[in-house]
Amino acid sequence: MDERSIRVELAGRAYPLTIQQMEEEHVRAAVDEINESIDRLKAGYPLTDKQDLLAMAALEVTVRAMNTNASKQEADAAQALAGIEKLLADLET
């Protein structure tokens, strides 16, 4: 695999990472999402400690990802169920 060294900034602090080249887009998108979450939290709550901001941002981003995943799983299950129902209906005719 093709590894690449990048530098990302979370909450104003730089972090060097070594990642697979194909992961870079997702890593940078995740960094952007975390930093945007931190900015929203700063604006909406009296949090000033960076550790508190990072913890709350991590919670927010993770819950959003889990909700998205659950919605996708529900849609996949509904589609599979519809397929099974169609097969059963075809067997009855």
N, C-alpha and C. Protein backbone atom coordinates (compact mmCIF):
# COMPACT_ATOMS: atom_id res chain seq x y z
N MET A 1 0.83 -1.19 0.00
CA MET A 1 0.00 0.00 0.00
C MET A 1 0.87 1.25 0.00
N ASP A 2 0.29 2.33 -0.48
CA ASP A 2 1.02 3.59 -0.60
C ASP A 2 0.74 4.45 0.63
N GLU A 3 1.73 4.55 1.52
CA GLU A 3 1.58 5.37 2.72
C GLU A 3 2.00 6.80 2.43
N ARG A 4 1.41 7.69 3.21
CA ARG A 4 1.71 9.10 3.03
C ARG A 4 1.72 9.75 4.41
N SER A 5 2.62 10.69 4.61
CA SER A 5 2.67 11.45 5.85
C SER A 5 1.96 12.77 5.63
N ILE A 6 1.02 13.08 6.54
CA ILE A 6 0.31 14.34 6.45
C ILE A 6 0.33 15.00 7.82
N ARG A 7 -0.07 16.25 7.85
CA ARG A 7 -0.17 17.01 9.10
C ARG A 7 -1.59 17.55 9.15
N VAL A 8 -2.28 17.30 10.25
CA VAL A 8 -3.62 17.83 10.42
C VAL A 8 -3.65 18.69 11.67
N GLU A 9 -4.63 19.57 11.74
CA GLU A 9 -4.77 20.44 12.89
C GLU A 9 -6.14 20.25 13.51
N LEU A 10 -6.14 19.84 14.78
CA LEU A 10 -7.38 19.67 15.54
C LEU A 10 -7.33 20.62 16.73
N ALA A 11 -8.36 21.44 16.86
CA ALA A 11 -8.46 22.37 17.98
C ALA A 11 -7.21 23.24 18.12
N GLY A 12 -6.65 23.62 16.99
CA GLY A 12 -5.49 24.50 17.00
C GLY A 12 -4.16 23.81 17.28
N ARG A 13 -4.17 22.49 17.33
CA ARG A 13 -2.94 21.76 17.62
C ARG A 13 -2.62 20.84 16.43
N ALA A 14 -1.36 20.81 16.01
CA ALA A 14 -0.94 20.03 14.85
C ALA A 14 -0.62 18.60 15.25
N TYR A 15 -1.03 17.68 14.37
CA TYR A 15 -0.75 16.26 14.58
C TYR A 15 -0.21 15.66 13.29
N PRO A 16 0.98 15.06 13.35
CA PRO A 16 1.48 14.35 12.17
C PRO A 16 0.88 12.95 12.12
N LEU A 17 0.49 12.53 10.94
CA LEU A 17 -0.10 11.20 10.76
C LEU A 17 0.55 10.51 9.58
N THR A 18 0.65 9.20 9.67
CA THR A 18 1.03 8.39 8.53
C THR A 18 -0.18 7.54 8.19
N ILE A 19 -0.70 7.72 6.99
CA ILE A 19 -1.94 7.05 6.58
C ILE A 19 -1.77 6.45 5.20
N GLN A 20 -2.71 5.62 4.83
CA GLN A 20 -2.76 5.10 3.47
C GLN A 20 -3.24 6.25 2.57
N GLN A 21 -2.71 6.35 1.39
CA GLN A 21 -3.07 7.43 0.49
C GLN A 21 -4.58 7.48 0.24
N MET A 22 -5.21 6.30 0.14
CA MET A 22 -6.65 6.26 -0.14
C MET A 22 -7.49 6.74 1.04
N GLU A 23 -6.90 6.85 2.24
CA GLU A 23 -7.62 7.34 3.42
C GLU A 23 -7.59 8.85 3.57
N GLU A 24 -6.72 9.52 2.84
CA GLU A 24 -6.47 10.94 3.09
C GLU A 24 -7.75 11.78 3.01
N GLU A 25 -8.56 11.56 2.01
CA GLU A 25 -9.77 12.36 1.86
C GLU A 25 -10.69 12.20 3.07
N HIS A 26 -10.84 10.97 3.57
CA HIS A 26 -11.69 10.73 4.73
C HIS A 26 -11.09 11.33 6.00
N VAL A 27 -9.79 11.22 6.15
CA VAL A 27 -9.13 11.79 7.33
C VAL A 27 -9.31 13.30 7.35
N ARG A 28 -9.08 13.94 6.22
CA ARG A 28 -9.23 15.41 6.17
C ARG A 28 -10.68 15.83 6.38
N ALA A 29 -11.63 15.06 5.84
CA ALA A 29 -13.05 15.37 6.06
C ALA A 29 -13.40 15.22 7.54
N ALA A 30 -12.86 14.19 8.19
CA ALA A 30 -13.11 13.98 9.62
C ALA A 30 -12.53 15.13 10.44
N VAL A 31 -11.34 15.56 10.10
CA VAL A 31 -10.71 16.69 10.80
C VAL A 31 -11.58 17.93 10.64
N ASP A 32 -12.05 18.19 9.43
CA ASP A 32 -12.92 19.35 9.19
C ASP A 32 -14.19 19.26 10.03
N GLU A 33 -14.79 18.07 10.07
CA GLU A 33 -16.03 17.89 10.83
C GLU A 33 -15.80 18.11 12.33
N ILE A 34 -14.71 17.59 12.84
CA ILE A 34 -14.39 17.78 14.27
C ILE A 34 -14.15 19.25 14.57
N ASN A 35 -13.37 19.92 13.74
CA ASN A 35 -13.10 21.34 13.97
C ASN A 35 -14.37 22.19 13.86
N GLU A 36 -15.25 21.85 12.92
CA GLU A 36 -16.53 22.57 12.81
C GLU A 36 -17.38 22.34 14.05
N SER A 37 -17.36 21.12 14.56
CA SER A 37 -18.11 20.80 15.78
C SER A 37 -17.56 21.61 16.96
N ILE A 38 -16.26 21.70 17.07
CA ILE A 38 -15.63 22.49 18.13
C ILE A 38 -16.06 23.94 18.02
N ASP A 39 -16.05 24.49 16.81
CA ASP A 39 -16.46 25.89 16.61
C ASP A 39 -17.92 26.10 17.03
N ARG A 40 -18.81 25.17 16.69
CA ARG A 40 -20.22 25.26 17.09
C ARG A 40 -20.36 25.22 18.60
N LEU A 41 -19.62 24.31 19.23
CA LEU A 41 -19.68 24.19 20.68
C LEU A 41 -19.16 25.44 21.37
N LYS A 42 -18.07 26.00 20.86
CA LYS A 42 -17.53 27.25 21.42
C LYS A 42 -18.56 28.37 21.36
N ALA A 43 -19.27 28.43 20.24
CA ALA A 43 -20.24 29.50 20.05
C ALA A 43 -21.49 29.31 20.90
N GLY A 44 -21.85 28.06 21.18
CA GLY A 44 -23.11 27.80 21.86
C GLY A 44 -23.03 27.51 23.34
N TYR A 45 -21.85 27.21 23.84
CA TYR A 45 -21.70 26.83 25.24
C TYR A 45 -20.51 27.54 25.86
N PRO A 46 -20.54 27.73 27.15
CA PRO A 46 -19.42 28.43 27.80
C PRO A 46 -18.23 27.51 28.08
N LEU A 47 -17.90 26.66 27.14
CA LEU A 47 -16.74 25.77 27.30
C LEU A 47 -15.49 26.50 26.83
N THR A 48 -14.47 26.48 27.63
CA THR A 48 -13.22 27.11 27.21
C THR A 48 -12.05 26.13 27.21
N ASP A 49 -12.17 25.06 27.98
CA ASP A 49 -11.10 24.08 28.05
C ASP A 49 -11.08 23.24 26.77
N LYS A 50 -9.93 23.16 26.13
CA LYS A 50 -9.83 22.43 24.86
C LYS A 50 -10.15 20.96 25.02
N GLN A 51 -9.80 20.37 26.14
CA GLN A 51 -10.11 18.95 26.35
C GLN A 51 -11.61 18.75 26.41
N ASP A 52 -12.33 19.64 27.08
CA ASP A 52 -13.79 19.55 27.13
C ASP A 52 -14.38 19.71 25.73
N LEU A 53 -13.87 20.67 24.98
CA LEU A 53 -14.35 20.89 23.62
C LEU A 53 -14.11 19.67 22.74
N LEU A 54 -12.91 19.09 22.84
CA LEU A 54 -12.60 17.90 22.05
C LEU A 54 -13.47 16.72 22.45
N ALA A 55 -13.71 16.54 23.74
CA ALA A 55 -14.54 15.43 24.20
C ALA A 55 -15.97 15.59 23.70
N MET A 56 -16.53 16.77 23.81
CA MET A 56 -17.89 17.01 23.36
C MET A 56 -17.99 16.90 21.84
N ALA A 57 -16.98 17.39 21.12
CA ALA A 57 -16.98 17.28 19.66
C ALA A 57 -16.90 15.81 19.25
N ALA A 58 -16.06 15.03 19.93
CA ALA A 58 -15.96 13.60 19.63
C ALA A 58 -17.30 12.91 19.85
N LEU A 59 -17.98 13.26 20.94
CA LEU A 59 -19.29 12.68 21.21
C LEU A 59 -20.29 13.06 20.13
N GLU A 60 -20.32 14.33 19.77
CA GLU A 60 -21.26 14.82 18.75
C GLU A 60 -21.04 14.13 17.41
N VAL A 61 -19.80 14.07 16.97
CA VAL A 61 -19.47 13.48 15.68
C VAL A 61 -19.76 11.97 15.68
N THR A 62 -19.45 11.29 16.77
CA THR A 62 -19.69 9.85 16.85
C THR A 62 -21.17 9.53 16.85
N VAL A 63 -21.96 10.28 17.60
CA VAL A 63 -23.41 10.05 17.63
C VAL A 63 -24.00 10.28 16.25
N ARG A 64 -23.56 11.34 15.57
CA ARG A 64 -24.05 11.62 14.22
C ARG A 64 -23.70 10.46 13.28
N ALA A 65 -22.50 9.94 13.38
CA ALA A 65 -22.07 8.82 12.53
C ALA A 65 -22.88 7.56 12.84
N MET A 66 -23.13 7.31 14.12
CA MET A 66 -23.91 6.13 14.51
C MET A 66 -25.36 6.25 14.03
N ASN A 67 -25.93 7.44 14.11
CA ASN A 67 -27.29 7.64 13.63
C ASN A 67 -27.38 7.42 12.13
N THR A 68 -26.39 7.89 11.41
CA THR A 68 -26.36 7.71 9.96
C THR A 68 -26.24 6.24 9.62
N ASN A 69 -25.39 5.53 10.34
CA ASN A 69 -25.20 4.10 10.11
C ASN A 69 -26.48 3.32 10.43
N ALA A 70 -27.16 3.69 11.52
CA ALA A 70 -28.40 3.00 11.89
C ALA A 70 -29.47 3.23 10.82
N SER A 71 -29.56 4.45 10.30
CA SER A 71 -30.54 4.74 9.25
C SER A 71 -30.25 3.92 8.01
N LYS A 72 -28.99 3.77 7.65
CA LYS A 72 -28.61 2.98 6.48
C LYS A 72 -28.96 1.51 6.71
N GLN A 73 -28.70 1.00 7.90
CA GLN A 73 -29.02 -0.39 8.20
C GLN A 73 -30.53 -0.63 8.15
N GLU A 74 -31.30 0.33 8.65
CA GLU A 74 -32.76 0.20 8.60
C GLU A 74 -33.25 0.20 7.15
N ALA A 75 -32.68 1.05 6.32
CA ALA A 75 -33.07 1.10 4.91
C ALA A 75 -32.70 -0.20 4.21
N ASP A 76 -31.51 -0.73 4.51
CA ASP A 76 -31.09 -2.00 3.92
C ASP A 76 -32.01 -3.14 4.35
N ALA A 77 -32.39 -3.15 5.62
CA ALA A 77 -33.28 -4.20 6.13
C ALA A 77 -34.66 -4.10 5.48
N ALA A 78 -35.16 -2.87 5.33
CA ALA A 78 -36.47 -2.68 4.69
C ALA A 78 -36.43 -3.15 3.25
N GLN A 79 -35.32 -2.87 2.56
CA GLN A 79 -35.19 -3.31 1.16
C GLN A 79 -35.13 -4.83 1.08
N ALA A 80 -34.39 -5.45 2.00
CA ALA A 80 -34.30 -6.92 2.01
C ALA A 80 -35.66 -7.53 2.32
N LEU A 81 -36.38 -6.94 3.25
CA LEU A 81 -37.71 -7.44 3.60
C LEU A 81 -38.67 -7.32 2.42
N ALA A 82 -38.61 -6.21 1.71
CA ALA A 82 -39.46 -6.03 0.53
C ALA A 82 -39.15 -7.10 -0.51
N GLY A 83 -37.87 -7.42 -0.67
CA GLY A 83 -37.49 -8.48 -1.62
C GLY A 83 -38.03 -9.83 -1.20
N ILE A 84 -37.96 -10.14 0.09
CA ILE A 84 -38.49 -11.41 0.60
C ILE A 84 -40.01 -11.47 0.40
N GLU A 85 -40.68 -10.36 0.71
CA GLU A 85 -42.13 -10.31 0.52
C GLU A 85 -42.52 -10.54 -0.94
N LYS A 86 -41.73 -9.96 -1.84
CA LYS A 86 -42.00 -10.15 -3.28
C LYS A 86 -41.82 -11.62 -3.67
N LEU A 87 -40.74 -12.23 -3.16
CA LEU A 87 -40.51 -13.65 -3.45
C LEU A 87 -41.66 -14.50 -2.93
N LEU A 88 -42.13 -14.21 -1.71
CA LEU A 88 -43.25 -14.97 -1.15
C LEU A 88 -44.54 -14.77 -1.97
N ALA A 89 -44.76 -13.53 -2.37
CA ALA A 89 -45.95 -13.24 -3.18
C ALA A 89 -45.87 -13.98 -4.53
N ASP A 90 -44.69 -14.03 -5.12
CA ASP A 90 -44.52 -14.74 -6.40
C ASP A 90 -44.74 -16.23 -6.23
N LEU A 91 -44.38 -16.80 -5.07
CA LEU A 91 -44.57 -18.21 -4.81
C LEU A 91 -46.04 -18.56 -4.65
N GLU A 92 -46.82 -17.61 -4.13
CA GLU A 92 -48.24 -17.84 -3.91
C GLU A 92 -49.04 -17.83 -5.23
N THR A 93 -48.51 -17.18 -6.22
CA THR A 93 -49.24 -17.10 -7.50
C THR A 93 -48.87 -18.19 -8.46
